[in-house]
């Protein structure tokens, strides 16, 4: 497994931007997939974005065109750039990593978007 630590959450007005970071405890070069889930109060955790080891990406329909996931293998870090934020983006955002058949999770970072 790999330890993951998120940062970058906070309070932002609608239309604003935030960048989340997910720092891994070891090299992410060989990690098959990394990305972000989110969970709003009273709702199930939902997949937001994934980036694969080859660089391809997937996004939830609700964030396409607004969010961008990227990875910096040299820094062992995955990012989520969030633009044009909406109040419905308010949630705890969790980083995850899938490697060698195991999934690791970060502790989560709160994102709050005010209207």
C-alpha atoms as a PDB file:
ATOM      1  CA  UNK A   1       0.000   0.000   0.000  1.00  0.00           C
ATOM      2  CA  UNK A   2       0.883   3.654  -0.216  1.00  0.00           C
ATOM      3  CA  UNK A   3       0.157   6.458   2.220  1.00  0.00           C
ATOM      4  CA  UNK A   4      -1.608   9.464   0.705  1.00  0.00           C
ATOM      5  CA  UNK A   5      -1.920  12.967   2.133  1.00  0.00           C
ATOM      6  CA  UNK A   6      -4.276  15.511   0.585  1.00  0.00           C
ATOM      7  CA  UNK A   7      -4.000  19.273   0.839  1.00  0.00           C
ATOM      8  CA  UNK A   8      -5.429  22.357  -0.805  1.00  0.00           C
ATOM      9  CA  UNK A   9      -9.039  22.288   0.292  1.00  0.00           C
ATOM     10  CA  UNK A  10     -10.829  25.306   1.660  1.00  0.00           C
ATOM     11  CA  UNK A  11     -13.650  27.795   1.243  1.00  0.00           C
ATOM     12  CA  UNK A  12     -14.173  29.479  -2.110  1.00  0.00           C
ATOM     13  CA  UNK A  13     -16.933  31.460  -3.761  1.00  0.00           C
ATOM     14  CA  UNK A  14     -18.898  30.053  -6.663  1.00  0.00           C
ATOM     15  CA  UNK A  15     -16.980  30.540  -9.879  1.00  0.00           C
ATOM     16  CA  UNK A  16     -13.643  30.342  -8.116  1.00  0.00           C
ATOM     17  CA  UNK A  17     -10.832  27.814  -8.327  1.00  0.00           C
ATOM     18  CA  UNK A  18      -8.910  25.487  -6.060  1.00  0.00           C
ATOM     19  CA  UNK A  19      -6.100  23.022  -6.618  1.00  0.00           C
ATOM     20  CA  UNK A  20      -5.964  19.883  -4.535  1.00  0.00           C
ATOM     21  CA  UNK A  21      -2.728  17.958  -4.069  1.00  0.00           C
ATOM     22  CA  UNK A  22      -2.230  14.331  -3.083  1.00  0.00           C
ATOM     23  CA  UNK A  23       1.276  13.449  -1.965  1.00  0.00           C
ATOM     24  CA  UNK A  24       2.246   9.778  -1.943  1.00  0.00           C
ATOM     25  CA  UNK A  25       4.705   8.133   0.441  1.00  0.00           C
ATOM     26  CA  UNK A  26       6.560   6.393  -2.371  1.00  0.00           C
ATOM     27  CA  UNK A  27       7.072   6.518  -6.101  1.00  0.00           C
ATOM     28  CA  UNK A  28       3.834   6.666  -8.080  1.00  0.00           C
ATOM     29  CA  UNK A  29       5.502   5.778 -11.371  1.00  0.00           C
ATOM     30  CA  UNK A  30       4.176   2.227 -11.362  1.00  0.00           C
ATOM     31  CA  UNK A  31       0.799   2.899  -9.726  1.00  0.00           C
ATOM     32  CA  UNK A  32      -1.910   1.819 -12.163  1.00  0.00           C
ATOM     33  CA  UNK A  33      -4.463   4.472 -11.345  1.00  0.00           C
ATOM     34  CA  UNK A  34      -4.803   7.422  -9.037  1.00  0.00           C
ATOM     35  CA  UNK A  35      -7.498   9.970  -8.650  1.00  0.00           C
ATOM     36  CA  UNK A  36     -10.188  11.588  -6.590  1.00  0.00           C
ATOM     37  CA  UNK A  37     -13.543  10.738  -5.075  1.00  0.00           C
ATOM     38  CA  UNK A  38     -15.801  13.078  -3.195  1.00  0.00           C
ATOM     39  CA  UNK A  39     -18.542  12.681  -0.629  1.00  0.00           C
ATOM     40  CA  UNK A  40     -21.127  15.315   0.168  1.00  0.00           C
ATOM     41  CA  UNK A  41     -23.176  15.180   3.390  1.00  0.00           C
ATOM     42  CA  UNK A  42     -25.869  12.527   3.157  1.00  0.00           C
ATOM     43  CA  UNK A  43     -24.626  11.253  -0.197  1.00  0.00           C
ATOM     44  CA  UNK A  44     -22.591   8.317  -1.390  1.00  0.00           C
ATOM     45  CA  UNK A  45     -18.961   8.700  -2.290  1.00  0.00           C
ATOM     46  CA  UNK A  46     -18.635   9.361  -6.027  1.00  0.00           C
ATOM     47  CA  UNK A  47     -15.733   9.085  -8.428  1.00  0.00           C
ATOM     48  CA  UNK A  48     -14.624  12.487  -9.690  1.00  0.00           C
ATOM     49  CA  UNK A  49     -11.503  11.872 -11.775  1.00  0.00           C
ATOM     50  CA  UNK A  50      -8.914   9.206 -12.528  1.00  0.00           C
ATOM     51  CA  UNK A  51      -5.502   9.348 -14.150  1.00  0.00           C
ATOM     52  CA  UNK A  52      -3.831   6.144 -15.305  1.00  0.00           C
ATOM     53  CA  UNK A  53      -0.151   5.319 -15.424  1.00  0.00           C
ATOM     54  CA  UNK A  54      -0.096   5.963 -19.166  1.00  0.00           C
ATOM     55  CA  UNK A  55      -1.566   9.418 -18.682  1.00  0.00           C
ATOM     56  CA  UNK A  56      -5.128   8.847 -19.855  1.00  0.00           C
ATOM     57  CA  UNK A  57      -7.903  10.348 -17.756  1.00  0.00           C
ATOM     58  CA  UNK A  58     -11.566   9.861 -16.917  1.00  0.00           C
ATOM     59  CA  UNK A  59     -13.996  12.327 -15.388  1.00  0.00           C
ATOM     60  CA  UNK A  60     -17.459  12.327 -13.947  1.00  0.00           C
ATOM     61  CA  UNK A  61     -19.919  14.054 -16.270  1.00  0.00           C
ATOM     62  CA  UNK A  62     -20.628  16.645 -13.606  1.00  0.00           C
ATOM     63  CA  UNK A  63     -17.038  17.944 -13.641  1.00  0.00           C
ATOM     64  CA  UNK A  64     -16.010  17.529 -17.297  1.00  0.00           C
ATOM     65  CA  UNK A  65     -14.627  20.736 -18.701  1.00  0.00           C
ATOM     66  CA  UNK A  66     -14.128  22.231 -15.223  1.00  0.00           C
ATOM     67  CA  UNK A  67     -11.770  19.854 -13.404  1.00  0.00           C
ATOM     68  CA  UNK A  68      -8.394  18.565 -14.544  1.00  0.00           C
ATOM     69  CA  UNK A  69      -6.482  15.705 -12.962  1.00  0.00           C
ATOM     70  CA  UNK A  70      -2.725  15.456 -13.445  1.00  0.00           C
ATOM     71  CA  UNK A  71       0.238  13.644 -11.964  1.00  0.00           C
ATOM     72  CA  UNK A  72       3.857  14.582 -11.383  1.00  0.00           C
ATOM     73  CA  UNK A  73       5.822  11.362 -11.053  1.00  0.00           C
ATOM     74  CA  UNK A  74       8.964  13.232 -10.026  1.00  0.00           C
ATOM     75  CA  UNK A  75       7.127  14.697  -7.017  1.00  0.00           C
ATOM     76  CA  UNK A  76       5.016  11.606  -6.304  1.00  0.00           C
ATOM     77  CA  UNK A  77       1.985  13.861  -6.395  1.00  0.00           C
ATOM     78  CA  UNK A  78      -1.411  13.908  -8.084  1.00  0.00           C
ATOM     79  CA  UNK A  79      -3.348  17.121  -8.517  1.00  0.00           C
ATOM     80  CA  UNK A  80      -6.947  18.094  -9.095  1.00  0.00           C
ATOM     81  CA  UNK A  81      -7.380  21.544 -10.590  1.00  0.00           C
ATOM     82  CA  UNK A  82     -10.950  22.684 -10.015  1.00  0.00           C
ATOM     83  CA  UNK A  83     -12.261  25.689 -11.928  1.00  0.00           C
ATOM     84  CA  UNK A  84     -15.700  27.279 -12.193  1.00  0.00           C
ATOM     85  CA  UNK A  85     -16.649  25.771  -8.865  1.00  0.00           C
ATOM     86  CA  UNK A  86     -20.306  25.401  -7.974  1.00  0.00           C
ATOM     87  CA  UNK A  87     -22.018  25.031  -4.583  1.00  0.00           C
ATOM     88  CA  UNK A  88     -22.831  21.436  -5.528  1.00  0.00           C
ATOM     89  CA  UNK A  89     -19.097  20.698  -5.638  1.00  0.00           C
ATOM     90  CA  UNK A  90     -19.041  21.079  -1.850  1.00  0.00           C
ATOM     91  CA  UNK A  91     -17.783  17.813  -0.378  1.00  0.00           C
ATOM     92  CA  UNK A  92     -14.894  16.055   1.271  1.00  0.00           C
ATOM     93  CA  UNK A  93     -12.456  15.085  -1.479  1.00  0.00           C
ATOM     94  CA  UNK A  94     -10.486  11.869  -1.105  1.00  0.00           C
ATOM     95  CA  UNK A  95      -7.412  10.848  -3.041  1.00  0.00           C
ATOM     96  CA  UNK A  96      -6.993   7.175  -3.930  1.00  0.00           C
ATOM     97  CA  UNK A  97      -4.396   4.915  -5.503  1.00  0.00           C
ATOM     98  CA  UNK A  98      -4.798   1.462  -7.037  1.00  0.00           C
ATOM     99  CA  UNK A  99      -1.628  -0.590  -7.013  1.00  0.00           C
ATOM    100  CA  UNK A 100      -0.912  -4.313  -6.987  1.00  0.00           C
ATOM    101  CA  UNK A 101      -4.571  -5.128  -6.369  1.00  0.00           C
ATOM    102  CA  UNK A 102      -4.880  -2.859  -3.350  1.00  0.00           C
ATOM    103  CA  UNK A 103      -6.612   0.487  -2.962  1.00  0.00           C
ATOM    104  CA  UNK A 104      -5.199   3.145  -0.682  1.00  0.00           C
ATOM    105  CA  UNK A 105      -7.067   6.233   0.523  1.00  0.00           C
ATOM    106  CA  UNK A 106      -6.098   9.615   1.849  1.00  0.00           C
ATOM    107  CA  UNK A 107      -7.739  11.180   4.872  1.00  0.00           C
ATOM    108  CA  UNK A 108      -9.785  13.661   2.847  1.00  0.00           C
ATOM    109  CA  UNK A 109      -9.829  17.417   2.461  1.00  0.00           C
ATOM    110  CA  UNK A 110     -12.909  19.622   2.752  1.00  0.00           C
ATOM    111  CA  UNK A 111     -13.965  21.802  -0.163  1.00  0.00           C
ATOM    112  CA  UNK A 112     -16.758  24.287   0.474  1.00  0.00           C
ATOM    113  CA  UNK A 113     -18.181  26.451  -2.301  1.00  0.00           C
ATOM    114  CA  UNK A 114     -20.383  29.343  -1.217  1.00  0.00           C
ATOM    115  CA  UNK A 115     -23.078  30.789  -3.453  1.00  0.00           C
END
